Protein backbone atom coordinates (compact mmCIF):
# COMPACT_ATOMS: atom_id res chain seq x y z
CA MET A 1 -16.47 -14.74 2.87
CA PRO A 2 -17.42 -18.22 1.87
CA GLY A 3 -15.09 -19.20 -0.44
CA VAL A 4 -12.51 -17.10 -0.26
CA HIS A 5 -9.23 -18.29 1.53
CA HIS A 6 -6.68 -16.04 2.70
CA VAL A 7 -2.35 -16.69 3.58
CA PRO A 8 -0.13 -14.02 4.84
CA TYR A 9 0.95 -11.16 2.83
CA PRO A 10 4.55 -11.19 2.66
CA TYR A 11 5.08 -8.25 4.99
CA CYS A 12 8.79 -8.45 5.69
CA TYR A 13 8.82 -6.25 8.07
CA ARG A 14 6.52 -8.25 10.48
CA CYS A 15 7.44 -12.50 8.24
CA SER A 16 4.59 -14.77 9.50
CA TYR A 17 7.22 -17.16 9.69
CA GLY A 18 10.07 -15.49 11.25
CA LYS A 19 12.87 -14.36 8.31
CA GLU A 20 14.55 -11.61 8.03
CA PRO A 21 13.78 -9.06 5.50
CA SER A 22 16.87 -10.20 3.37
CA THR A 23 15.88 -13.64 3.49
CA CYS A 24 11.50 -12.78 3.34
CA GLY A 25 9.79 -13.04 0.37
CA VAL A 26 8.59 -16.51 -0.85
CA GLU A 27 6.70 -18.16 2.58
CA CYS A 28 3.29 -16.75 1.49
CA ALA A 29 2.96 -17.80 -1.61
CA ARG A 30 4.49 -20.98 -1.18
CA ALA A 31 1.63 -21.54 1.63
CA ILE A 32 -1.14 -21.02 -1.34
CA GLU A 33 1.17 -24.52 -2.55
CA ASP A 34 2.23 -26.32 -0.09
CA GLN A 35 -1.20 -25.40 2.21
CA LEU A 36 -4.38 -24.54 0.46
CA LEU A 37 -3.91 -26.18 -2.66
CA ARG A 38 -2.80 -29.85 -0.83
CA THR A 39 -5.53 -29.79 2.23
CA ILE A 40 -8.62 -27.77 1.35
CA LEU A 41 -8.85 -26.08 -1.92
CA PRO A 42 -8.59 -28.44 -4.96
CA ALA A 43 -6.62 -26.46 -7.73
CA GLU A 44 -9.61 -27.36 -9.87
CA GLU A 45 -11.92 -25.57 -7.69
CA THR A 46 -9.77 -22.46 -7.23
CA ALA A 47 -10.79 -19.50 -9.68
CA ALA A 48 -8.00 -16.66 -8.77
CA ILE A 49 -5.34 -15.65 -6.64
CA VAL A 50 -6.07 -11.96 -6.07
CA ILE A 51 -3.95 -9.29 -4.62
CA GLU A 52 -2.62 -5.57 -3.96
CA PRO A 53 0.66 -5.09 -5.52
CA VAL A 54 1.48 -3.03 -2.74
CA GLN A 55 -1.20 -3.59 0.18
CA GLY A 56 -2.97 -0.44 0.82
CA GLU A 57 -5.50 -0.73 4.37
CA GLY A 58 -2.98 -3.26 5.95
CA GLY A 59 -0.17 -0.65 6.29
CA TYR A 60 1.47 0.21 2.46
CA ILE A 61 3.28 -2.83 2.41
CA VAL A 62 6.19 -2.93 -0.46
CA PRO A 63 6.48 -6.81 -1.16
CA PRO A 64 10.25 -8.29 -2.75
CA ARG A 65 9.92 -8.58 -6.41
CA LYS A 66 11.00 -12.97 -5.86
CA PHE A 67 6.77 -13.31 -4.22
CA PHE A 68 5.57 -12.11 -7.19
CA ASP A 69 7.77 -14.47 -9.54
CA GLU A 70 6.85 -17.32 -6.98
CA LEU A 71 3.29 -15.92 -7.11
CA ALA A 72 3.05 -15.60 -11.06
CA ALA A 73 5.11 -19.46 -11.28
CA ILE A 74 2.57 -21.06 -8.77
CA ALA A 75 -0.63 -19.83 -10.45
CA LYS A 76 0.72 -20.83 -14.19
CA ARG A 77 1.46 -24.76 -12.86
CA HIS A 78 -1.68 -24.79 -11.63
CA GLY A 79 -4.21 -22.97 -13.98
CA ILE A 80 -4.95 -20.26 -12.03
CA LEU A 81 -6.01 -16.51 -12.60
CA LEU A 82 -3.88 -13.83 -10.58
CA VAL A 83 -5.74 -10.23 -10.44
CA PHE A 84 -4.34 -8.09 -9.25
CA ASP A 85 -6.32 -4.20 -7.18
CA GLU A 86 -4.69 -1.80 -8.14
CA VAL A 87 -7.48 0.70 -6.78
CA GLN A 88 -5.22 2.26 -4.49
CA SER A 89 -1.57 2.03 -6.22
CA GLY A 90 -2.42 2.25 -9.82
CA MET A 91 -3.43 5.15 -11.92
CA GLY A 92 0.66 6.71 -11.00
CA ARG A 93 0.95 6.58 -7.38
CA THR A 94 4.13 4.59 -7.53
CA GLY A 95 5.80 6.82 -9.77
CA LYS A 96 4.39 3.62 -12.97
CA MET A 97 1.17 3.62 -13.64
CA TRP A 98 0.77 0.37 -12.39
CA ALA A 99 2.70 -0.70 -9.54
CA ALA A 100 3.09 -4.30 -10.63
CA GLU A 101 4.80 -2.41 -13.14
CA HIS A 102 7.87 -1.83 -10.45
CA PHE A 103 7.74 -5.69 -9.99
CA ASP A 104 7.73 -7.05 -13.69
CA ALA A 105 4.55 -8.70 -12.70
CA ASN A 106 1.93 -9.56 -15.74
CA PRO A 107 -1.45 -10.30 -14.04
CA ASP A 108 -4.15 -11.73 -16.02
CA ILE A 109 -6.51 -9.31 -14.72
CA PHE A 110 -6.42 -6.03 -12.79
CA THR A 111 -8.89 -3.73 -11.13
CA VAL A 112 -8.52 -0.02 -11.26
CA ALA A 113 -11.08 2.75 -9.85
CA LYS A 114 -10.70 6.27 -7.51
CA GLY A 115 -7.44 7.86 -9.29
CA ILE A 116 -9.04 6.98 -12.46
CA ALA A 117 -10.82 9.59 -12.75
CA SER A 118 -9.50 12.08 -10.13
CA GLY A 119 -12.21 10.20 -7.73
CA MET A 120 -15.41 11.01 -9.93
CA PRO A 121 -17.46 7.82 -9.85
CA VAL A 122 -15.49 4.90 -11.93
CA SER A 123 -14.21 1.80 -12.01
CA ALA A 124 -12.61 -0.52 -14.63
CA MET A 125 -11.37 -4.19 -14.67
CA VAL A 126 -8.90 -4.62 -17.92
CA ALA A 127 -8.22 -8.22 -18.55
CA ASN A 128 -6.45 -10.33 -21.22
CA ALA A 129 -8.51 -10.83 -24.62
CA ASP A 130 -8.88 -14.60 -23.35
CA VAL A 131 -9.88 -13.98 -20.01
CA MET A 132 -11.99 -11.10 -21.24
CA ASP A 133 -14.59 -13.25 -23.51
CA TRP A 134 -17.93 -11.55 -22.39
CA PRO A 135 -20.49 -11.13 -25.54
CA PRO A 136 -21.90 -7.50 -25.29
CA GLY A 137 -24.25 -6.78 -23.17
CA SER A 138 -23.30 -9.65 -19.91
CA HIS A 139 -22.29 -7.17 -17.61
CA ALA A 140 -25.91 -5.01 -17.84
CA SER A 141 -26.06 -1.89 -18.12
CA THR A 142 -26.07 -0.93 -14.45
CA PHE A 143 -22.20 -0.80 -15.96
CA GLY A 144 -22.60 0.63 -18.48
CA GLY A 145 -20.63 3.68 -18.71
CA ASN A 146 -21.30 7.50 -16.58
CA PRO A 147 -19.69 9.95 -20.03
CA VAL A 148 -18.83 12.77 -17.27
CA SER A 149 -17.20 9.97 -15.24
CA CYS A 150 -14.99 8.49 -18.73
CA ALA A 151 -14.72 12.60 -19.34
CA ALA A 152 -12.54 12.23 -16.26
CA ALA A 153 -10.32 9.72 -16.82
CA ILE A 154 -9.61 10.61 -20.15
CA ALA A 155 -8.32 13.91 -18.31
CA THR A 156 -6.76 12.51 -15.74
CA ILE A 157 -4.77 9.90 -18.22
CA GLU A 158 -3.58 12.48 -19.96
CA LEU A 159 -2.11 14.80 -17.33
CA LEU A 160 -0.22 11.98 -16.07
CA GLU A 161 1.19 11.04 -18.80
CA ALA A 162 2.11 14.69 -19.68
CA GLY A 163 4.22 14.30 -16.16
CA LEU A 164 1.93 13.62 -13.20
CA ILE A 165 3.80 9.79 -13.52
CA GLU A 166 7.38 11.43 -13.24
CA ASN A 167 5.80 13.70 -10.69
CA ALA A 168 5.19 10.93 -8.37
CA ALA A 169 8.37 8.79 -8.61
CA ARG A 170 10.81 12.34 -8.62
CA VAL A 171 8.86 13.62 -5.07
CA GLY A 172 8.66 10.12 -3.25
CA SER A 173 12.32 9.51 -4.22
CA TYR A 174 13.02 13.04 -2.56
CA MET A 175 10.52 12.22 -0.04
CA ARG A 176 12.88 8.83 1.13
CA SER A 177 15.75 10.12 1.14
CA ARG A 178 14.95 12.32 4.10
CA MET A 179 12.79 9.30 5.45
CA ASP A 180 15.05 7.07 5.39
CA SER A 181 17.50 8.25 8.26
CA TRP A 182 13.73 8.55 10.43
CA ALA A 183 14.22 5.17 12.13
CA SER A 184 18.15 6.16 13.55
CA ARG A 185 16.52 9.38 14.16
CA PHE A 186 13.56 9.08 16.06
CA PRO A 187 13.27 5.72 18.09
CA ILE A 188 9.10 6.25 17.48
CA VAL A 189 10.31 5.01 13.87
CA GLY A 190 10.37 1.02 12.75
CA ASP A 191 10.03 1.22 9.75
CA VAL A 192 9.35 3.53 6.47
CA ARG A 193 8.81 2.36 3.11
CA GLY A 194 7.01 2.65 -0.24
CA LEU A 195 7.49 2.97 -4.04
CA GLY A 196 6.86 6.81 -5.20
CA LEU A 197 4.04 8.89 -3.70
CA MET A 198 2.37 5.76 -1.43
CA ILE A 199 4.81 5.88 1.70
CA GLY A 200 4.08 3.90 4.76
CA ILE A 201 5.77 4.99 7.97
CA GLU A 202 5.54 2.71 10.75
CA LEU A 203 5.53 3.67 14.45
CA VAL A 204 6.88 1.17 17.21
CA ARG A 205 7.10 1.65 21.53
CA ASP A 206 10.18 -0.12 21.16
CA GLN A 207 12.47 -0.81 17.65
CA GLN A 208 13.97 -4.13 18.98
CA THR A 209 10.75 -5.55 20.14
CA LYS A 210 8.49 -4.01 17.14
CA GLU A 211 5.86 -3.51 19.75
CA LYS A 212 2.50 -1.22 17.67
CA ALA A 213 2.69 2.13 18.51
CA VAL A 214 -1.31 1.89 18.29
CA VAL A 215 -2.66 5.31 20.27
CA GLU A 216 0.42 6.97 19.75
CA ARG A 217 -0.07 6.68 16.06
CA GLU A 218 -3.21 7.89 16.51
CA SER A 219 -1.99 11.24 18.43
CA ILE A 220 0.80 11.62 15.70
CA VAL A 221 -2.31 12.33 13.31
CA ASN A 222 -3.61 14.56 15.99
CA MET A 223 -0.98 16.59 16.49
CA ALA A 224 0.00 16.80 12.39
CA PHE A 225 -3.52 18.01 11.92
CA GLU A 226 -3.41 21.02 14.56
CA ARG A 227 -0.09 21.58 12.72
CA GLY A 228 -2.22 22.33 9.00
CA LEU A 229 -1.52 18.50 7.93
CA LEU A 230 -3.92 16.14 7.11
CA ILE A 231 -2.39 12.31 7.42
CA LEU A 232 -4.42 8.78 7.53
CA GLY A 233 -3.59 5.91 9.41
CA ALA A 234 -3.03 2.63 7.87
CA GLY A 235 -2.85 -0.95 9.51
CA ASP A 236 -2.98 -0.44 13.71
CA ASN A 237 0.50 1.18 13.10
CA VAL A 238 1.27 3.04 10.38
CA ILE A 239 0.90 6.14 9.02
CA ARG A 240 0.19 5.88 5.54
CA LEU A 241 1.44 9.47 2.89
CA SER A 242 -0.80 9.53 -0.05
CA PRO A 243 -0.44 13.45 -1.12
CA PRO A 244 -2.13 14.70 -4.65
CA LEU A 245 0.54 13.33 -7.34
CA THR A 246 0.82 17.33 -8.15
CA ILE A 247 2.41 17.78 -4.99
CA THR A 248 5.75 19.84 -4.67
CA THR A 249 9.24 19.81 -3.82
CA ASP A 250 8.20 22.33 -1.44
CA GLN A 251 4.96 20.92 -0.15
CA ALA A 252 6.68 18.08 0.27
CA ASP A 253 9.78 19.38 2.95
CA PHE A 254 6.73 21.59 4.75
CA ALA A 255 5.13 17.68 5.60
CA MET A 256 8.37 16.24 6.84
CA ASP A 257 8.76 19.34 8.44
CA VAL A 258 5.96 18.96 10.48
CA LEU A 259 6.26 14.79 10.51
CA GLU A 260 9.71 15.38 12.48
CA ASP A 261 8.27 18.07 14.55
CA CYS A 262 5.23 16.14 16.12
CA PHE A 263 7.48 12.48 16.43
CA THR A 264 10.47 14.91 18.00
CA SER A 265 7.75 16.25 21.16
CA LEU A 266 6.31 13.07 21.35
CA SER A 267 9.27 11.21 22.05
CA THR A 268 10.64 14.34 24.19
CA ASP A 269 7.52 13.11 26.31
CA TYR A 270 7.30 9.62 26.04
CA ASP A 271 10.88 6.83 27.30
CA PRO A 272 9.00 3.48 26.42
CA ALA A 273 11.90 2.45 29.19
CA VAL A 274 9.85 3.28 31.74
CA ASN A 275 6.47 4.00 30.51
CA ARG A 276 4.85 1.09 29.18
CA ASN A 277 0.93 2.40 29.46
CA HIS A 278 1.03 5.19 27.39
CA SER A 279 -2.36 4.92 26.25
CA ALA A 280 -3.63 7.46 28.55
CA VAL A 281 -0.64 10.50 28.05
CA HIS A 282 -0.84 11.47 24.54
CA GLU A 283 -4.01 9.96 23.53
CA GLY A 284 -5.76 13.29 21.64
CA CYS A 285 -2.95 15.53 21.85
CA GLY A 286 -1.17 18.38 20.30
CA VAL A 287 1.67 21.02 21.25
């Protein structure tokens, strides 16, 4: 898109700058200042830095806190607005109302949709008062609000504050306590990450080389479906778990039992040391 420039996301499992997870985090932010602002993008012509505090479609990636500290410092130094996209990560999904709270990050603007009204059509842009200085009516009646959706949003917020945010944190922590051992138990699992009920499971063909298990991910999705579990992919090779915030620990156990069965079934038939061309073996399969 004209006028939009990209830098790598702080994907510490696959650091674009060759860092280890323990040292990864600030290089992606510094690239804005050291590369873009010094070469092709003058700071005075830069309106905003826009980022998802937890990346969604790219693979459910959780950055380290130091990334946000560095990002905020750069934005402040150059008078650039900081904008967070909380469409996927907001409204209690991560165990806090906003994912930014996990990092004590304070954007100038953030956006929210989908979860704000439990799927009813409504979205919002929230900003500091000194940014939100539009005169009344400047955004036209097209964006004037839908009373039914607004009522759904109010009901959703009441439910979140009444216990669903706490449930997301509690059940998410319960799931992670079981899933954090998966990389040592299942060769197909390279990384498990997430906050609350926004969890990503990265699948690899080899844990050392981190070769992406793209076809295998699709196989797991199909196998889980045949066992009664609906899951989606994110990125090339990540399984995303984004259940309703009403989920119980029993339902979470069912989901994890199914996934463990799928990983076991796939691993039984697949040895990455001898079968590098696995694409036709499990495509669309189930047991």
